N, C-alpha and C. Protein backbone atom coordinates (compact mmCIF):
# COMPACT_ATOMS: atom_id res chain seq x y z
N MET A 1 31.27 -15.02 25.66
CA MET A 1 31.23 -13.90 24.74
C MET A 1 29.87 -13.21 24.86
N PHE A 2 29.89 -11.91 24.84
CA PHE A 2 28.68 -11.12 24.98
C PHE A 2 27.95 -11.02 23.64
N THR A 3 26.64 -11.27 23.64
CA THR A 3 25.83 -11.12 22.43
C THR A 3 24.69 -10.15 22.69
N ARG A 4 24.20 -9.57 21.62
CA ARG A 4 23.05 -8.67 21.71
C ARG A 4 22.18 -8.87 20.48
N THR A 5 20.93 -8.44 20.58
CA THR A 5 20.01 -8.52 19.46
C THR A 5 19.49 -7.12 19.17
N LYS A 6 19.65 -6.70 17.93
CA LYS A 6 19.12 -5.41 17.48
C LYS A 6 17.86 -5.69 16.66
N THR A 7 16.83 -4.90 16.90
CA THR A 7 15.55 -5.07 16.21
C THR A 7 15.27 -3.85 15.35
N ARG A 8 14.77 -4.11 14.14
CA ARG A 8 14.40 -3.02 13.23
C ARG A 8 13.16 -3.45 12.46
N THR A 9 12.49 -2.48 11.88
CA THR A 9 11.33 -2.76 11.05
C THR A 9 11.66 -2.39 9.61
N VAL A 10 11.36 -3.31 8.69
CA VAL A 10 11.54 -3.03 7.27
C VAL A 10 10.15 -3.00 6.62
N HIS A 11 10.04 -2.27 5.52
CA HIS A 11 8.76 -2.14 4.84
C HIS A 11 8.90 -2.53 3.38
N PHE A 12 7.96 -3.34 2.93
CA PHE A 12 7.86 -3.71 1.52
C PHE A 12 6.57 -3.13 0.96
N ASP A 13 6.67 -2.46 -0.20
CA ASP A 13 5.49 -1.93 -0.88
C ASP A 13 4.86 -2.95 -1.81
N ALA A 14 5.59 -4.02 -2.11
CA ALA A 14 5.12 -5.06 -3.02
C ALA A 14 5.36 -6.42 -2.38
N PRO A 15 4.61 -7.44 -2.79
CA PRO A 15 4.88 -8.78 -2.29
C PRO A 15 6.33 -9.18 -2.59
N PHE A 16 6.89 -10.02 -1.74
CA PHE A 16 8.30 -10.39 -1.87
C PHE A 16 8.51 -11.83 -1.42
N THR A 17 9.67 -12.37 -1.75
CA THR A 17 10.08 -13.68 -1.28
C THR A 17 11.57 -13.65 -0.98
N LEU A 18 11.99 -14.49 -0.07
CA LEU A 18 13.40 -14.65 0.28
C LEU A 18 13.67 -16.14 0.45
N ASN A 19 14.91 -16.56 0.23
CA ASN A 19 15.26 -17.95 0.52
C ASN A 19 14.96 -18.24 1.98
N GLY A 20 14.35 -19.36 2.25
CA GLY A 20 13.99 -19.72 3.61
C GLY A 20 12.53 -19.44 3.93
N LEU A 21 11.92 -18.56 3.15
CA LEU A 21 10.49 -18.26 3.33
C LEU A 21 9.69 -19.08 2.34
N ASP A 22 8.55 -19.58 2.79
CA ASP A 22 7.68 -20.35 1.91
C ASP A 22 6.80 -19.41 1.11
N GLY A 23 6.98 -19.40 -0.20
CA GLY A 23 6.11 -18.64 -1.07
C GLY A 23 6.29 -17.14 -1.00
N LEU A 24 5.32 -16.47 -1.58
CA LEU A 24 5.29 -15.01 -1.67
C LEU A 24 4.66 -14.44 -0.41
N HIS A 25 5.26 -13.39 0.15
CA HIS A 25 4.72 -12.75 1.35
C HIS A 25 4.16 -11.38 0.97
N PRO A 26 3.08 -10.98 1.63
CA PRO A 26 2.42 -9.72 1.25
C PRO A 26 3.24 -8.50 1.62
N ALA A 27 2.96 -7.41 0.94
CA ALA A 27 3.57 -6.12 1.27
C ALA A 27 3.22 -5.76 2.70
N GLY A 28 4.07 -4.94 3.31
CA GLY A 28 3.80 -4.50 4.68
C GLY A 28 5.06 -4.36 5.48
N ASP A 29 4.89 -4.17 6.78
CA ASP A 29 6.00 -4.01 7.70
C ASP A 29 6.38 -5.36 8.29
N TYR A 30 7.69 -5.59 8.42
CA TYR A 30 8.21 -6.83 8.98
C TYR A 30 9.31 -6.50 9.98
N ARG A 31 9.29 -7.22 11.09
CA ARG A 31 10.31 -7.05 12.10
C ARG A 31 11.51 -7.92 11.75
N VAL A 32 12.71 -7.34 11.81
CA VAL A 32 13.95 -8.05 11.52
C VAL A 32 14.84 -7.97 12.76
N LEU A 33 15.42 -9.10 13.14
CA LEU A 33 16.30 -9.17 14.29
C LEU A 33 17.70 -9.54 13.83
N ASP A 34 18.67 -8.78 14.27
CA ASP A 34 20.08 -9.06 13.97
C ASP A 34 20.77 -9.45 15.27
N ASP A 35 21.26 -10.69 15.35
CA ASP A 35 22.06 -11.13 16.50
C ASP A 35 23.51 -10.76 16.22
N GLU A 36 24.14 -10.13 17.20
CA GLU A 36 25.54 -9.71 17.06
C GLU A 36 26.32 -10.20 18.27
N GLU A 37 27.59 -10.53 18.03
CA GLU A 37 28.45 -10.90 19.14
C GLU A 37 29.61 -9.92 19.23
N GLN A 38 30.03 -9.69 20.46
CA GLN A 38 31.12 -8.75 20.70
C GLN A 38 32.43 -9.35 20.19
N MET A 39 33.19 -8.54 19.50
CA MET A 39 34.50 -8.98 19.01
C MET A 39 35.53 -8.75 20.11
N THR A 40 36.39 -9.71 20.29
CA THR A 40 37.42 -9.59 21.32
C THR A 40 38.78 -9.46 20.66
N GLY A 41 39.74 -9.00 21.46
CA GLY A 41 41.12 -8.90 20.96
C GLY A 41 41.42 -7.60 20.23
N ILE A 42 40.50 -6.65 20.27
CA ILE A 42 40.76 -5.34 19.67
C ILE A 42 40.62 -4.28 20.76
N SER A 43 41.15 -3.11 20.50
CA SER A 43 41.21 -2.09 21.55
C SER A 43 39.96 -1.20 21.62
N TRP A 44 38.93 -1.48 20.80
CA TRP A 44 37.69 -0.71 20.87
C TRP A 44 36.52 -1.70 20.86
N LEU A 45 35.39 -1.22 21.27
CA LEU A 45 34.20 -2.05 21.33
C LEU A 45 33.60 -2.19 19.93
N ALA A 46 33.45 -3.43 19.50
CA ALA A 46 32.89 -3.69 18.17
C ALA A 46 32.09 -4.98 18.21
N TYR A 47 31.11 -5.06 17.33
CA TYR A 47 30.26 -6.25 17.22
C TYR A 47 30.24 -6.72 15.77
N ARG A 48 29.99 -8.01 15.59
CA ARG A 48 29.78 -8.55 14.24
C ARG A 48 28.48 -9.31 14.23
N ARG A 49 27.78 -9.18 13.11
CA ARG A 49 26.49 -9.85 12.97
C ARG A 49 26.73 -11.35 12.78
N VAL A 50 25.99 -12.16 13.51
CA VAL A 50 26.13 -13.61 13.39
C VAL A 50 24.85 -14.27 12.87
N ALA A 51 23.72 -13.55 12.90
CA ALA A 51 22.47 -14.10 12.37
C ALA A 51 21.48 -12.97 12.12
N THR A 52 20.68 -13.16 11.08
CA THR A 52 19.59 -12.22 10.77
C THR A 52 18.32 -13.04 10.59
N MET A 53 17.24 -12.61 11.26
CA MET A 53 15.97 -13.31 11.20
C MET A 53 14.85 -12.33 10.90
N ILE A 54 13.85 -12.82 10.18
CA ILE A 54 12.66 -12.01 9.89
C ILE A 54 11.47 -12.68 10.55
N GLU A 55 10.59 -11.86 11.10
CA GLU A 55 9.39 -12.37 11.77
C GLU A 55 8.25 -12.40 10.76
N VAL A 56 7.68 -13.57 10.56
CA VAL A 56 6.56 -13.72 9.62
C VAL A 56 5.37 -14.31 10.35
N VAL A 57 4.19 -13.86 9.97
CA VAL A 57 2.95 -14.32 10.58
C VAL A 57 2.18 -15.13 9.54
N ALA A 58 1.79 -16.32 9.93
CA ALA A 58 0.96 -17.17 9.08
C ALA A 58 -0.24 -17.59 9.91
N GLY A 59 -1.37 -16.97 9.65
CA GLY A 59 -2.55 -17.25 10.46
C GLY A 59 -2.34 -16.71 11.87
N SER A 60 -2.44 -17.59 12.85
CA SER A 60 -2.23 -17.17 14.24
C SER A 60 -0.82 -17.51 14.73
N LYS A 61 0.02 -18.02 13.84
CA LYS A 61 1.36 -18.45 14.21
C LYS A 61 2.41 -17.43 13.73
N THR A 62 3.31 -17.05 14.63
CA THR A 62 4.41 -16.15 14.30
C THR A 62 5.70 -16.95 14.35
N SER A 63 6.53 -16.80 13.30
CA SER A 63 7.78 -17.54 13.24
C SER A 63 8.94 -16.60 12.96
N LEU A 64 10.10 -16.93 13.49
CA LEU A 64 11.35 -16.24 13.16
C LEU A 64 12.11 -17.14 12.19
N ILE A 65 12.39 -16.62 11.01
CA ILE A 65 13.07 -17.37 9.97
C ILE A 65 14.44 -16.75 9.73
N THR A 66 15.50 -17.57 9.78
CA THR A 66 16.84 -17.08 9.51
C THR A 66 16.97 -16.78 8.01
N ILE A 67 17.50 -15.61 7.70
CA ILE A 67 17.65 -15.19 6.30
C ILE A 67 19.05 -14.64 6.08
N ASP A 68 19.40 -14.48 4.83
CA ASP A 68 20.68 -13.88 4.44
C ASP A 68 20.50 -12.36 4.43
N PRO A 69 21.28 -11.63 5.24
CA PRO A 69 21.09 -10.17 5.30
C PRO A 69 21.34 -9.48 3.96
N ALA A 70 22.25 -10.00 3.16
CA ALA A 70 22.51 -9.40 1.85
C ALA A 70 21.31 -9.59 0.93
N GLU A 71 20.67 -10.75 1.02
CA GLU A 71 19.49 -11.01 0.20
C GLU A 71 18.33 -10.09 0.63
N LEU A 72 18.20 -9.85 1.93
CA LEU A 72 17.18 -8.93 2.42
C LEU A 72 17.42 -7.53 1.88
N GLU A 73 18.65 -7.06 1.95
CA GLU A 73 18.96 -5.71 1.43
C GLU A 73 18.69 -5.62 -0.06
N ALA A 74 19.01 -6.68 -0.81
CA ALA A 74 18.73 -6.69 -2.26
C ALA A 74 17.22 -6.65 -2.52
N ALA A 75 16.45 -7.38 -1.73
CA ALA A 75 14.99 -7.38 -1.90
C ALA A 75 14.40 -6.01 -1.56
N LEU A 76 14.93 -5.36 -0.53
CA LEU A 76 14.46 -4.01 -0.19
C LEU A 76 14.81 -3.01 -1.28
N GLU A 77 15.98 -3.15 -1.86
CA GLU A 77 16.39 -2.26 -2.95
C GLU A 77 15.49 -2.47 -4.17
N LYS A 78 15.20 -3.73 -4.49
CA LYS A 78 14.31 -4.06 -5.61
C LYS A 78 12.92 -3.48 -5.36
N ASP A 79 12.45 -3.56 -4.12
CA ASP A 79 11.15 -3.01 -3.75
C ASP A 79 11.14 -1.49 -3.91
N LYS A 80 12.25 -0.86 -3.57
CA LYS A 80 12.35 0.61 -3.70
C LYS A 80 12.25 1.00 -5.17
N VAL A 81 12.89 0.25 -6.06
CA VAL A 81 12.82 0.53 -7.49
C VAL A 81 11.39 0.32 -7.99
N PHE A 82 10.73 -0.75 -7.53
CA PHE A 82 9.35 -1.01 -7.90
C PHE A 82 8.45 0.15 -7.48
N SER A 83 8.64 0.63 -6.25
CA SER A 83 7.82 1.74 -5.73
C SER A 83 8.04 3.01 -6.52
N ALA A 84 9.29 3.27 -6.92
CA ALA A 84 9.61 4.49 -7.68
C ALA A 84 8.94 4.44 -9.04
N LYS A 85 8.85 3.27 -9.65
CA LYS A 85 8.23 3.14 -10.97
C LYS A 85 6.72 3.36 -10.89
N ARG A 86 6.10 3.03 -9.74
CA ARG A 86 4.65 3.21 -9.59
C ARG A 86 4.29 4.67 -9.41
N ASP A 87 5.21 5.46 -8.87
CA ASP A 87 4.91 6.87 -8.57
C ASP A 87 4.92 7.74 -9.77
């Protein structure tokens, strides 16, 4: 089965935490990787997400941590509300 990885950058204006991450992480830009696999048995090309990971830096060490994509979207939405209240 064919797989691909899509990379995107997300931005947090406030410190945040997610399940799987140790403690509170500072505001800033974070790289997110979505692994997708090609779906077979259908008449058009389609992919489904099978894993989402966020890249975190701790000192000189960079780690990819598997996270729940729905939890990430909820955290980004919460951050957006926080940012709107500050403005």
